[in-house]
């Protein structure tokens, strides 16, 4: 019988390729902006830049909620190590109001994304799919089941004999 030249213990640990040393990722280093004012000084000039503003208005015209745009911008900032998550939470409402002002000045319709009743109306594609699935069901095969007895019968090792 031949023995293996290598040991099973010399193989990499499962998941080892998914790990990095601490501090190797941008969000693991100290943030570049630590205050709300510093973060706003970063975002406001970029949002009001003429080249960027045209693309921003195009996005707003497609009815993407302003809150989603602000969340995406600040999430990118967190992942780049520009600021922390708590600064992102503080910056988001200000960015939404800035984008609201940009949309009003451009005289375009926009969605803020904070509507409370917006989640109550299902998407039209979901409704169409549900109606197609409902049409496939043969209602003659649907049979009412008799309700099961809700009587509690003692069972188990310590229950009395004949107590059923």
C-alpha atoms as a PDB file:
ATOM      1  CA  UNK A   1       0.000   0.000   0.000  1.00  0.00           C
ATOM      2  CA  UNK A   2       1.364   3.368  -1.023  1.00  0.00           C
ATOM      3  CA  UNK A   3       1.403   6.301   1.348  1.00  0.00           C
ATOM      4  CA  UNK A   4       0.575   9.809   0.286  1.00  0.00           C
ATOM      5  CA  UNK A   5       3.367  12.290  -0.080  1.00  0.00           C
ATOM      6  CA  UNK A   6       1.263  15.182   1.285  1.00  0.00           C
ATOM      7  CA  UNK A   7      -0.684  15.541   4.482  1.00  0.00           C
ATOM      8  CA  UNK A   8      -4.372  16.474   4.655  1.00  0.00           C
ATOM      9  CA  UNK A   9      -3.439  18.942   7.353  1.00  0.00           C
ATOM     10  CA  UNK A  10      -1.395  21.106   4.967  1.00  0.00           C
ATOM     11  CA  UNK A  11      -4.503  22.126   2.982  1.00  0.00           C
ATOM     12  CA  UNK A  12      -6.031  25.593   3.414  1.00  0.00           C
ATOM     13  CA  UNK A  13      -8.842  26.005   5.908  1.00  0.00           C
ATOM     14  CA  UNK A  14     -12.291  26.239   4.246  1.00  0.00           C
ATOM     15  CA  UNK A  15     -13.200  29.902   3.816  1.00  0.00           C
ATOM     16  CA  UNK A  16      -9.601  31.038   4.126  1.00  0.00           C
ATOM     17  CA  UNK A  17      -9.761  32.739   0.725  1.00  0.00           C
ATOM     18  CA  UNK A  18     -12.652  34.890   1.947  1.00  0.00           C
ATOM     19  CA  UNK A  19     -10.725  36.462   4.783  1.00  0.00           C
ATOM     20  CA  UNK A  20      -8.237  39.316   4.878  1.00  0.00           C
ATOM     21  CA  UNK A  21      -6.073  40.808   7.514  1.00  0.00           C
ATOM     22  CA  UNK A  22      -7.645  43.395   9.801  1.00  0.00           C
ATOM     23  CA  UNK A  23      -7.205  46.853   8.325  1.00  0.00           C
ATOM     24  CA  UNK A  24      -6.818  45.553   4.760  1.00  0.00           C
ATOM     25  CA  UNK A  25     -10.267  46.838   3.761  1.00  0.00           C
ATOM     26  CA  UNK A  26     -11.137  50.552   3.486  1.00  0.00           C
ATOM     27  CA  UNK A  27     -14.006  50.353   5.983  1.00  0.00           C
ATOM     28  CA  UNK A  28     -11.658  48.854   8.581  1.00  0.00           C
ATOM     29  CA  UNK A  29      -9.428  51.908   8.622  1.00  0.00           C
ATOM     30  CA  UNK A  30     -10.159  55.206  10.375  1.00  0.00           C
ATOM     31  CA  UNK A  31     -12.645  57.242   8.328  1.00  0.00           C
ATOM     32  CA  UNK A  32     -11.553  60.230   6.288  1.00  0.00           C
ATOM     33  CA  UNK A  33     -14.527  62.328   7.464  1.00  0.00           C
ATOM     34  CA  UNK A  34     -15.566  62.084  11.089  1.00  0.00           C
ATOM     35  CA  UNK A  35     -18.155  64.855  11.336  1.00  0.00           C
ATOM     36  CA  UNK A  36     -21.387  65.638   9.555  1.00  0.00           C
ATOM     37  CA  UNK A  37     -19.984  68.909   8.214  1.00  0.00           C
ATOM     38  CA  UNK A  38     -16.946  67.206   6.663  1.00  0.00           C
ATOM     39  CA  UNK A  39     -19.167  64.618   4.961  1.00  0.00           C
ATOM     40  CA  UNK A  40     -21.478  67.326   3.627  1.00  0.00           C
ATOM     41  CA  UNK A  41     -18.460  69.242   2.321  1.00  0.00           C
ATOM     42  CA  UNK A  42     -17.654  66.091   0.349  1.00  0.00           C
ATOM     43  CA  UNK A  43     -21.140  65.266  -1.017  1.00  0.00           C
ATOM     44  CA  UNK A  44     -22.672  68.693  -1.777  1.00  0.00           C
ATOM     45  CA  UNK A  45     -20.070  69.846  -4.338  1.00  0.00           C
ATOM     46  CA  UNK A  46     -20.334  66.489  -6.107  1.00  0.00           C
ATOM     47  CA  UNK A  47     -24.135  66.563  -6.278  1.00  0.00           C
ATOM     48  CA  UNK A  48     -24.215  70.160  -7.478  1.00  0.00           C
ATOM     49  CA  UNK A  49     -21.495  69.678 -10.109  1.00  0.00           C
ATOM     50  CA  UNK A  50     -22.939  70.464 -13.570  1.00  0.00           C
ATOM     51  CA  UNK A  51     -21.653  67.228 -15.130  1.00  0.00           C
ATOM     52  CA  UNK A  52     -23.035  65.064 -12.340  1.00  0.00           C
ATOM     53  CA  UNK A  53     -26.294  66.980 -11.931  1.00  0.00           C
ATOM     54  CA  UNK A  54     -27.477  66.077 -15.437  1.00  0.00           C
ATOM     55  CA  UNK A  55     -27.073  62.371 -14.677  1.00  0.00           C
ATOM     56  CA  UNK A  56     -28.733  62.850 -11.304  1.00  0.00           C
ATOM     57  CA  UNK A  57     -31.750  64.535 -12.911  1.00  0.00           C
ATOM     58  CA  UNK A  58     -31.999  61.646 -15.396  1.00  0.00           C
ATOM     59  CA  UNK A  59     -32.079  59.192 -12.496  1.00  0.00           C
ATOM     60  CA  UNK A  60     -34.676  61.227 -10.605  1.00  0.00           C
ATOM     61  CA  UNK A  61     -36.873  61.396 -13.751  1.00  0.00           C
ATOM     62  CA  UNK A  62     -37.010  57.584 -13.823  1.00  0.00           C
ATOM     63  CA  UNK A  63     -38.864  57.736 -10.468  1.00  0.00           C
ATOM     64  CA  UNK A  64     -36.077  56.222  -8.393  1.00  0.00           C
ATOM     65  CA  UNK A  65     -36.821  57.314  -4.808  1.00  0.00           C
ATOM     66  CA  UNK A  66     -34.505  60.023  -3.519  1.00  0.00           C
ATOM     67  CA  UNK A  67     -33.963  58.047  -0.321  1.00  0.00           C
ATOM     68  CA  UNK A  68     -32.607  55.137  -2.382  1.00  0.00           C
ATOM     69  CA  UNK A  69     -30.200  57.425  -4.215  1.00  0.00           C
ATOM     70  CA  UNK A  70     -28.966  58.942  -0.941  1.00  0.00           C
ATOM     71  CA  UNK A  71     -28.616  55.496   0.652  1.00  0.00           C
ATOM     72  CA  UNK A  72     -26.596  54.269  -2.318  1.00  0.00           C
ATOM     73  CA  UNK A  73     -24.278  57.293  -2.231  1.00  0.00           C
ATOM     74  CA  UNK A  74     -23.595  57.043   1.489  1.00  0.00           C
ATOM     75  CA  UNK A  75     -23.228  53.251   1.431  1.00  0.00           C
ATOM     76  CA  UNK A  76     -20.530  53.716  -1.189  1.00  0.00           C
ATOM     77  CA  UNK A  77     -18.902  56.302   1.068  1.00  0.00           C
ATOM     78  CA  UNK A  78     -18.882  53.858   3.979  1.00  0.00           C
ATOM     79  CA  UNK A  79     -17.411  51.087   1.838  1.00  0.00           C
ATOM     80  CA  UNK A  80     -14.686  53.428   0.544  1.00  0.00           C
ATOM     81  CA  UNK A  81     -13.791  54.336   4.115  1.00  0.00           C
ATOM     82  CA  UNK A  82     -14.802  57.983   3.688  1.00  0.00           C
ATOM     83  CA  UNK A  83     -17.055  58.025   6.755  1.00  0.00           C
ATOM     84  CA  UNK A  84     -18.774  55.714   9.207  1.00  0.00           C
ATOM     85  CA  UNK A  85     -22.310  54.333   9.092  1.00  0.00           C
ATOM     86  CA  UNK A  86     -23.554  56.767  11.739  1.00  0.00           C
ATOM     87  CA  UNK A  87     -22.346  59.741   9.691  1.00  0.00           C
ATOM     88  CA  UNK A  88     -24.139  58.216   6.674  1.00  0.00           C
ATOM     89  CA  UNK A  89     -27.392  58.046   8.650  1.00  0.00           C
ATOM     90  CA  UNK A  90     -27.032  61.720   9.578  1.00  0.00           C
ATOM     91  CA  UNK A  91     -26.137  62.818   6.027  1.00  0.00           C
ATOM     92  CA  UNK A  92     -28.964  60.966   4.233  1.00  0.00           C
ATOM     93  CA  UNK A  93     -31.873  63.329   5.085  1.00  0.00           C
ATOM     94  CA  UNK A  94     -29.824  66.363   4.075  1.00  0.00           C
ATOM     95  CA  UNK A  95     -28.902  64.761   0.743  1.00  0.00           C
ATOM     96  CA  UNK A  96     -32.567  63.896   0.130  1.00  0.00           C
ATOM     97  CA  UNK A  97     -33.573  67.529   0.708  1.00  0.00           C
ATOM     98  CA  UNK A  98     -30.778  68.733  -1.576  1.00  0.00           C
ATOM     99  CA  UNK A  99     -31.952  66.376  -4.341  1.00  0.00           C
ATOM    100  CA  UNK A 100     -35.529  67.529  -3.730  1.00  0.00           C
ATOM    101  CA  UNK A 101     -34.414  71.107  -4.346  1.00  0.00           C
ATOM    102  CA  UNK A 102     -32.554  70.073  -7.493  1.00  0.00           C
ATOM    103  CA  UNK A 103     -35.669  68.295  -8.804  1.00  0.00           C
ATOM    104  CA  UNK A 104     -37.899  71.290  -8.000  1.00  0.00           C
ATOM    105  CA  UNK A 105     -35.520  73.680  -9.779  1.00  0.00           C
ATOM    106  CA  UNK A 106     -35.463  71.374 -12.804  1.00  0.00           C
ATOM    107  CA  UNK A 107     -39.278  71.214 -12.629  1.00  0.00           C
ATOM    108  CA  UNK A 108     -39.451  67.423 -12.747  1.00  0.00           C
ATOM    109  CA  UNK A 109     -41.617  64.995 -10.782  1.00  0.00           C
ATOM    110  CA  UNK A 110     -39.819  62.961  -8.162  1.00  0.00           C
ATOM    111  CA  UNK A 111     -40.429  60.355  -5.483  1.00  0.00           C
ATOM    112  CA  UNK A 112     -39.035  60.967  -2.026  1.00  0.00           C
ATOM    113  CA  UNK A 113     -39.445  57.353  -0.930  1.00  0.00           C
ATOM    114  CA  UNK A 114     -40.704  57.984   2.596  1.00  0.00           C
ATOM    115  CA  UNK A 115     -44.393  57.517   1.800  1.00  0.00           C
ATOM    116  CA  UNK A 116     -45.978  55.388   4.499  1.00  0.00           C
ATOM    117  CA  UNK A 117     -48.711  53.941   2.294  1.00  0.00           C
ATOM    118  CA  UNK A 118     -46.423  53.119  -0.634  1.00  0.00           C
ATOM    119  CA  UNK A 119     -45.867  49.555   0.570  1.00  0.00           C
ATOM    120  CA  UNK A 120     -49.605  48.840   0.668  1.00  0.00           C
ATOM    121  CA  UNK A 121     -50.019  48.755  -3.117  1.00  0.00           C
ATOM    122  CA  UNK A 122     -48.479  45.625  -4.673  1.00  0.00           C
ATOM    123  CA  UNK A 123     -46.467  45.851  -7.855  1.00  0.00           C
ATOM    124  CA  UNK A 124     -48.479  45.325 -11.060  1.00  0.00           C
ATOM    125  CA  UNK A 125     -46.138  42.538 -12.215  1.00  0.00           C
ATOM    126  CA  UNK A 126     -46.726  40.632  -8.979  1.00  0.00           C
ATOM    127  CA  UNK A 127     -50.492  41.019  -9.421  1.00  0.00           C
ATOM    128  CA  UNK A 128     -50.334  39.712 -13.012  1.00  0.00           C
ATOM    129  CA  UNK A 129     -48.302  36.683 -11.950  1.00  0.00           C
ATOM    130  CA  UNK A 130     -50.684  35.937  -9.084  1.00  0.00           C
ATOM    131  CA  UNK A 131     -53.695  36.140 -11.421  1.00  0.00           C
ATOM    132  CA  UNK A 132     -52.037  33.728 -13.885  1.00  0.00           C
ATOM    133  CA  UNK A 133     -51.301  31.307 -11.048  1.00  0.00           C
ATOM    134  CA  UNK A 134     -54.900  31.615  -9.835  1.00  0.00           C
ATOM    135  CA  UNK A 135     -56.233  30.783 -13.306  1.00  0.00           C
ATOM    136  CA  UNK A 136     -54.203  27.544 -13.305  1.00  0.00           C
ATOM    137  CA  UNK A 137     -55.923  26.246 -10.142  1.00  0.00           C
ATOM    138  CA  UNK A 138     -58.858  23.919 -10.791  1.00  0.00           C
ATOM    139  CA  UNK A 139     -61.453  24.952  -8.210  1.00  0.00           C
ATOM    140  CA  UNK A 140     -63.314  21.609  -8.476  1.00  0.00           C
ATOM    141  CA  UNK A 141     -60.302  19.852  -6.976  1.00  0.00           C
ATOM    142  CA  UNK A 142     -60.199  22.129  -3.983  1.00  0.00           C
ATOM    143  CA  UNK A 143     -61.881  20.217  -1.152  1.00  0.00           C
ATOM    144  CA  UNK A 144     -62.717  21.591   2.246  1.00  0.00           C
ATOM    145  CA  UNK A 145     -60.934  19.708   4.959  1.00  0.00           C
ATOM    146  CA  UNK A 146     -62.757  18.818   8.139  1.00  0.00           C
ATOM    147  CA  UNK A 147     -61.344  20.623  11.130  1.00  0.00           C
ATOM    148  CA  UNK A 148     -59.154  18.426  13.243  1.00  0.00           C
ATOM    149  CA  UNK A 149     -60.176  17.646  16.786  1.00  0.00           C
ATOM    150  CA  UNK A 150     -58.727  20.108  19.240  1.00  0.00           C
ATOM    151  CA  UNK A 151     -59.215  17.759  22.177  1.00  0.00           C
ATOM    152  CA  UNK A 152     -56.031  17.358  24.202  1.00  0.00           C
ATOM    153  CA  UNK A 153     -55.288  13.721  24.796  1.00  0.00           C
ATOM    154  CA  UNK A 154     -52.706  12.972  27.443  1.00  0.00           C
ATOM    155  CA  UNK A 155     -49.718  11.139  26.046  1.00  0.00           C
ATOM    156  CA  UNK A 156     -46.233  10.399  27.093  1.00  0.00           C
ATOM    157  CA  UNK A 157     -44.437   8.329  29.674  1.00  0.00           C
ATOM    158  CA  UNK A 158     -46.106   9.862  32.747  1.00  0.00           C
ATOM    159  CA  UNK A 159     -49.715   9.946  31.460  1.00  0.00           C
ATOM    160  CA  UNK A 160     -52.335   7.722  33.117  1.00  0.00           C
ATOM    161  CA  UNK A 161     -53.506   4.582  31.435  1.00  0.00           C
ATOM    162  CA  UNK A 162     -56.957   4.769  29.979  1.00  0.00           C
ATOM    163  CA  UNK A 163     -57.159   8.521  30.472  1.00  0.00           C
ATOM    164  CA  UNK A 164     -57.911   9.017  26.818  1.00  0.00           C
END
